[in-house]
N, C-alpha and C. Protein backbone atom coordinates (compact mmCIF):
# COMPACT_ATOMS: atom_id res chain seq x y z
N UNK A 1 15.02 36.39 -0.14
CA UNK A 1 15.22 34.95 -0.17
C UNK A 1 13.92 34.25 -0.54
N UNK A 2 12.79 34.78 -0.10
CA UNK A 2 11.50 34.18 -0.43
C UNK A 2 11.26 34.26 -1.93
N UNK A 3 11.62 35.39 -2.53
CA UNK A 3 11.46 35.56 -3.96
C UNK A 3 12.30 34.56 -4.73
N UNK A 4 13.53 34.36 -4.30
CA UNK A 4 14.41 33.40 -4.95
C UNK A 4 13.82 32.00 -4.84
N UNK A 5 13.36 31.65 -3.66
CA UNK A 5 12.76 30.34 -3.45
C UNK A 5 11.55 30.16 -4.35
N UNK A 6 10.70 31.19 -4.45
CA UNK A 6 9.52 31.12 -5.30
C UNK A 6 9.91 30.90 -6.76
N UNK A 7 10.90 31.65 -7.24
CA UNK A 7 11.32 31.51 -8.63
C UNK A 7 11.93 30.13 -8.90
N UNK A 8 12.69 29.64 -7.96
CA UNK A 8 13.30 28.33 -8.14
C UNK A 8 12.24 27.24 -8.12
N UNK A 9 11.24 27.40 -7.27
CA UNK A 9 10.16 26.42 -7.25
C UNK A 9 9.39 26.42 -8.56
N UNK A 10 9.23 27.60 -9.16
CA UNK A 10 8.54 27.65 -10.45
C UNK A 10 9.35 26.93 -11.52
N UNK A 11 10.67 26.96 -11.40
CA UNK A 11 11.51 26.23 -12.34
C UNK A 11 11.35 24.72 -12.19
N UNK A 12 11.06 24.30 -10.98
CA UNK A 12 10.87 22.87 -10.74
C UNK A 12 9.68 22.33 -11.51
N UNK A 13 8.73 23.20 -11.80
CA UNK A 13 7.53 22.77 -12.51
C UNK A 13 7.72 22.76 -14.02
N UNK A 14 8.83 23.29 -14.49
CA UNK A 14 9.08 23.32 -15.93
C UNK A 14 9.31 21.91 -16.44
N UNK A 15 8.70 21.58 -17.58
CA UNK A 15 8.87 20.22 -18.09
C UNK A 15 10.29 19.99 -18.56
N UNK A 16 10.77 18.80 -18.35
CA UNK A 16 12.09 18.42 -18.81
C UNK A 16 11.95 17.51 -20.03
N UNK A 17 13.00 17.42 -20.81
CA UNK A 17 13.00 16.52 -21.95
C UNK A 17 12.88 15.09 -21.45
N UNK A 18 12.23 14.27 -22.25
CA UNK A 18 12.05 12.87 -21.90
C UNK A 18 13.41 12.21 -21.68
N UNK A 19 13.57 11.55 -20.56
CA UNK A 19 14.79 10.82 -20.28
C UNK A 19 15.94 11.68 -19.79
N UNK A 20 15.79 12.98 -19.80
CA UNK A 20 16.87 13.86 -19.38
C UNK A 20 16.71 14.20 -17.90
N UNK A 21 17.78 14.70 -17.33
CA UNK A 21 17.77 15.13 -15.94
C UNK A 21 16.70 16.23 -15.77
N UNK A 22 16.00 16.21 -14.66
CA UNK A 22 14.95 17.21 -14.45
C UNK A 22 15.54 18.51 -13.93
N UNK A 23 14.84 19.58 -14.19
CA UNK A 23 15.29 20.88 -13.71
C UNK A 23 15.29 20.88 -12.17
N UNK A 24 14.35 20.22 -11.58
CA UNK A 24 14.30 20.13 -10.13
C UNK A 24 15.57 19.50 -9.56
N UNK A 25 16.05 18.46 -10.24
CA UNK A 25 17.28 17.81 -9.80
C UNK A 25 18.47 18.74 -9.97
N UNK A 26 18.52 19.45 -11.08
CA UNK A 26 19.62 20.39 -11.32
C UNK A 26 19.64 21.47 -10.24
N UNK A 27 18.47 22.07 -9.99
CA UNK A 27 18.39 23.15 -9.00
C UNK A 27 18.75 22.65 -7.61
N UNK A 28 18.22 21.49 -7.22
CA UNK A 28 18.53 20.99 -5.88
C UNK A 28 20.01 20.61 -5.77
N UNK A 29 20.60 20.15 -6.85
CA UNK A 29 22.02 19.79 -6.83
C UNK A 29 22.89 21.03 -6.66
N UNK A 30 22.57 22.08 -7.39
CA UNK A 30 23.42 23.28 -7.42
C UNK A 30 23.06 24.29 -6.31
N UNK A 31 22.07 23.98 -5.52
CA UNK A 31 21.60 24.90 -4.47
C UNK A 31 22.71 25.42 -3.55
N UNK A 32 23.71 24.61 -3.19
CA UNK A 32 24.78 25.14 -2.33
C UNK A 32 25.58 26.29 -2.95
N UNK A 33 25.38 26.55 -4.24
CA UNK A 33 26.13 27.62 -4.92
C UNK A 33 25.37 28.94 -4.99
N UNK A 34 24.10 28.95 -4.61
CA UNK A 34 23.28 30.16 -4.80
C UNK A 34 23.87 31.38 -4.11
N UNK A 35 24.26 31.25 -2.86
CA UNK A 35 24.82 32.41 -2.14
C UNK A 35 26.09 32.90 -2.81
N UNK A 36 26.95 31.98 -3.20
CA UNK A 36 28.19 32.36 -3.87
C UNK A 36 27.89 33.09 -5.18
N UNK A 37 26.97 32.56 -5.98
CA UNK A 37 26.66 33.15 -7.28
C UNK A 37 25.99 34.51 -7.18
N UNK A 38 25.43 34.83 -6.04
CA UNK A 38 24.82 36.14 -5.83
C UNK A 38 25.77 37.10 -5.13
N UNK A 39 26.97 36.64 -4.86
CA UNK A 39 27.95 37.45 -4.14
C UNK A 39 28.85 38.24 -5.06
N UNK A 40 30.01 38.59 -4.52
CA UNK A 40 30.93 39.45 -5.24
C UNK A 40 32.24 38.77 -5.61
N UNK A 41 32.42 37.55 -5.26
CA UNK A 41 33.64 36.86 -5.67
C UNK A 41 34.24 36.03 -4.57
N UNK A 42 35.52 35.79 -4.71
CA UNK A 42 36.22 34.93 -3.78
C UNK A 42 36.19 33.49 -4.27
N UNK A 43 36.57 32.60 -3.42
CA UNK A 43 36.60 31.18 -3.75
C UNK A 43 35.25 30.56 -3.40
N UNK A 44 34.71 29.72 -4.29
CA UNK A 44 33.43 29.07 -3.97
C UNK A 44 33.60 28.16 -2.75
N UNK A 45 32.58 28.08 -1.91
CA UNK A 45 32.67 27.18 -0.75
C UNK A 45 32.72 25.72 -1.21
N UNK A 46 33.33 24.88 -0.41
CA UNK A 46 33.48 23.47 -0.78
C UNK A 46 32.15 22.78 -1.10
N UNK A 47 31.06 23.04 -0.33
CA UNK A 47 29.79 22.39 -0.69
C UNK A 47 29.32 22.76 -2.10
N UNK A 48 29.64 23.97 -2.54
CA UNK A 48 29.29 24.39 -3.90
C UNK A 48 30.10 23.59 -4.91
N UNK A 49 31.38 23.44 -4.68
CA UNK A 49 32.22 22.68 -5.60
C UNK A 49 31.82 21.21 -5.63
N UNK A 50 31.45 20.68 -4.49
CA UNK A 50 30.95 19.31 -4.45
C UNK A 50 29.67 19.19 -5.28
N UNK A 51 28.82 20.21 -5.20
CA UNK A 51 27.58 20.23 -5.99
C UNK A 51 27.90 20.27 -7.49
N UNK A 52 28.89 21.04 -7.87
CA UNK A 52 29.30 21.11 -9.28
C UNK A 52 29.81 19.76 -9.76
N UNK A 53 30.56 19.08 -8.92
CA UNK A 53 31.05 17.75 -9.28
C UNK A 53 29.88 16.77 -9.42
N UNK A 54 28.89 16.89 -8.55
CA UNK A 54 27.70 16.04 -8.65
C UNK A 54 26.94 16.31 -9.94
N UNK A 55 26.82 17.60 -10.29
CA UNK A 55 26.15 17.96 -11.53
C UNK A 55 26.91 17.42 -12.73
N UNK A 56 28.22 17.51 -12.69
CA UNK A 56 29.04 16.97 -13.77
C UNK A 56 28.79 15.47 -13.93
N UNK A 57 28.73 14.75 -12.83
CA UNK A 57 28.49 13.30 -12.88
C UNK A 57 27.09 12.97 -13.38
N UNK A 58 26.12 13.83 -13.05
CA UNK A 58 24.72 13.57 -13.40
C UNK A 58 24.39 13.93 -14.84
N UNK A 59 25.32 14.59 -15.53
CA UNK A 59 25.04 15.03 -16.90
C UNK A 59 25.97 14.33 -17.88
N UNK A 60 25.85 13.01 -17.93
CA UNK A 60 26.75 12.22 -18.76
C UNK A 60 26.27 12.04 -20.20
N UNK A 61 25.01 12.37 -20.48
CA UNK A 61 24.49 12.22 -21.83
C UNK A 61 24.19 13.60 -22.42
N UNK A 62 24.09 13.65 -23.74
CA UNK A 62 23.75 14.92 -24.39
C UNK A 62 22.41 15.47 -23.92
N UNK A 63 21.34 14.65 -23.84
CA UNK A 63 20.07 15.20 -23.33
C UNK A 63 20.18 15.73 -21.91
N UNK A 64 20.96 15.06 -21.07
CA UNK A 64 21.17 15.55 -19.70
C UNK A 64 21.89 16.90 -19.70
N UNK A 65 22.93 17.01 -20.50
CA UNK A 65 23.70 18.26 -20.55
C UNK A 65 22.83 19.40 -21.10
N UNK A 66 22.05 19.11 -22.14
CA UNK A 66 21.18 20.15 -22.71
C UNK A 66 20.10 20.56 -21.72
N UNK A 67 19.52 19.60 -21.01
CA UNK A 67 18.49 19.92 -20.02
C UNK A 67 19.06 20.73 -18.87
N UNK A 68 20.23 20.33 -18.37
CA UNK A 68 20.87 21.06 -17.27
C UNK A 68 21.25 22.46 -17.72
N UNK A 69 21.77 22.57 -18.92
CA UNK A 69 22.15 23.88 -19.48
C UNK A 69 20.93 24.79 -19.54
N UNK A 70 19.83 24.28 -20.07
CA UNK A 70 18.61 25.07 -20.20
C UNK A 70 18.08 25.49 -18.83
N UNK A 71 18.10 24.57 -17.90
CA UNK A 71 17.63 24.88 -16.55
C UNK A 71 18.47 25.98 -15.91
N UNK A 72 19.78 25.84 -15.98
CA UNK A 72 20.66 26.84 -15.38
C UNK A 72 20.57 28.17 -16.12
N UNK A 73 20.41 28.13 -17.43
CA UNK A 73 20.25 29.36 -18.20
C UNK A 73 18.99 30.10 -17.77
N UNK A 74 17.89 29.36 -17.66
CA UNK A 74 16.62 29.97 -17.23
C UNK A 74 16.71 30.51 -15.81
N UNK A 75 17.34 29.76 -14.93
CA UNK A 75 17.49 30.20 -13.54
C UNK A 75 18.35 31.47 -13.48
N UNK A 76 19.41 31.50 -14.27
CA UNK A 76 20.30 32.67 -14.28
C UNK A 76 19.58 33.91 -14.80
N UNK A 77 18.62 33.72 -15.69
CA UNK A 77 17.87 34.85 -16.22
C UNK A 77 16.84 35.37 -15.22
N UNK A 78 16.38 34.50 -14.33
CA UNK A 78 15.32 34.87 -13.39
C UNK A 78 15.83 35.29 -12.02
N UNK A 79 17.02 34.87 -11.67
CA UNK A 79 17.58 35.16 -10.35
C UNK A 79 18.80 36.06 -10.56
N UNK A 80 18.94 37.06 -9.74
CA UNK A 80 20.05 38.00 -9.86
C UNK A 80 21.35 37.33 -9.43
N UNK A 81 22.12 36.86 -10.42
CA UNK A 81 23.41 36.25 -10.11
C UNK A 81 24.52 37.05 -10.78
N UNK A 82 25.71 36.86 -10.30
CA UNK A 82 26.89 37.48 -10.88
C UNK A 82 27.31 36.61 -12.07
N UNK A 83 27.13 37.13 -13.29
CA UNK A 83 27.38 36.37 -14.50
C UNK A 83 28.83 35.88 -14.59
N UNK A 84 29.77 36.71 -14.15
CA UNK A 84 31.18 36.31 -14.21
C UNK A 84 31.46 35.16 -13.25
N UNK A 85 30.86 35.20 -12.06
CA UNK A 85 31.06 34.10 -11.12
C UNK A 85 30.45 32.81 -11.67
N UNK A 86 29.27 32.92 -12.29
CA UNK A 86 28.61 31.74 -12.86
C UNK A 86 29.46 31.15 -13.97
N UNK A 87 29.95 32.00 -14.84
CA UNK A 87 30.76 31.53 -15.97
C UNK A 87 32.03 30.83 -15.49
N UNK A 88 32.65 31.36 -14.45
CA UNK A 88 33.91 30.81 -13.96
C UNK A 88 33.78 29.75 -12.89
N UNK A 89 32.55 29.44 -12.49
CA UNK A 89 32.35 28.51 -11.37
C UNK A 89 33.01 27.15 -11.60
N UNK A 90 32.80 26.49 -12.73
CA UNK A 90 33.45 25.17 -12.89
C UNK A 90 34.97 25.25 -12.74
N UNK A 91 35.58 26.22 -13.39
CA UNK A 91 37.04 26.37 -13.31
C UNK A 91 37.47 26.68 -11.88
N UNK A 92 36.72 27.53 -11.18
CA UNK A 92 37.05 27.86 -9.80
C UNK A 92 36.99 26.65 -8.89
N UNK A 93 36.17 25.67 -9.28
CA UNK A 93 36.04 24.44 -8.50
C UNK A 93 36.97 23.34 -9.02
N UNK A 94 37.72 23.64 -10.07
CA UNK A 94 38.66 22.67 -10.59
C UNK A 94 38.04 21.55 -11.40
N UNK A 95 36.89 21.82 -12.00
CA UNK A 95 36.24 20.81 -12.84
C UNK A 95 35.95 21.42 -14.21
N UNK A 96 35.51 20.58 -15.11
CA UNK A 96 35.14 21.03 -16.44
C UNK A 96 33.73 20.53 -16.75
N UNK A 97 32.78 21.44 -16.80
CA UNK A 97 31.44 21.07 -17.22
C UNK A 97 31.41 21.08 -18.75
N UNK A 98 30.54 20.29 -19.32
CA UNK A 98 30.44 20.22 -20.78
C UNK A 98 29.61 21.35 -21.35
N UNK A 99 29.19 22.28 -20.49
CA UNK A 99 28.38 23.41 -20.92
C UNK A 99 28.66 24.58 -19.99
N UNK A 100 28.56 25.81 -20.50
CA UNK A 100 28.78 26.97 -19.64
C UNK A 100 27.52 27.31 -18.84
N UNK A 101 27.71 27.98 -17.74
CA UNK A 101 26.58 28.52 -16.98
C UNK A 101 26.47 29.97 -17.41
N UNK A 102 25.53 30.23 -18.33
CA UNK A 102 25.43 31.54 -18.94
C UNK A 102 24.02 31.79 -19.45
N UNK A 103 23.63 33.04 -19.48
CA UNK A 103 22.31 33.39 -20.01
C UNK A 103 22.33 33.49 -21.53
N UNK A 104 23.50 33.46 -22.15
CA UNK A 104 23.57 33.64 -23.59
C UNK A 104 23.92 32.37 -24.36
N UNK A 105 24.09 31.27 -23.69
CA UNK A 105 24.46 30.03 -24.35
C UNK A 105 23.26 29.45 -25.12
N UNK A 106 23.54 28.83 -26.26
CA UNK A 106 22.51 28.10 -27.01
C UNK A 106 22.62 26.64 -26.59
N UNK A 107 21.76 26.25 -25.68
CA UNK A 107 21.84 24.91 -25.08
C UNK A 107 21.56 23.80 -26.10
N UNK A 108 20.90 24.11 -27.20
CA UNK A 108 20.63 23.08 -28.21
C UNK A 108 21.92 22.66 -28.93
N UNK A 109 22.97 23.45 -28.80
CA UNK A 109 24.23 23.13 -29.47
C UNK A 109 25.21 22.38 -28.55
N UNK A 110 24.77 22.10 -27.34
CA UNK A 110 25.61 21.36 -26.40
C UNK A 110 25.58 19.88 -26.78
N UNK A 111 26.74 19.25 -26.86
CA UNK A 111 26.81 17.82 -27.19
C UNK A 111 27.08 16.99 -25.98
């Protein structure tokens, strides 16, 4: 857990695009999902789904969506998460994010 916290804190220091949502905000918003994303499946806990809804609301512009996508992509590459759970998280919570949570997405193509 200390390692995860250290890696996430390092992401907070990453520069964000001007005017876009900060990586720190994205990480703190999605924090209730960390345990679920490192698990083996099941239904995401309600606080995680609430966090996804908050992230959806906070990413209303293209720069916000691209910044959030990049932040989550980088976090997913640095923290051991279940890629299938990450990919399916929005659908499991009954929402639609404008970008996937994936290590292979090209965030510059997100509109």
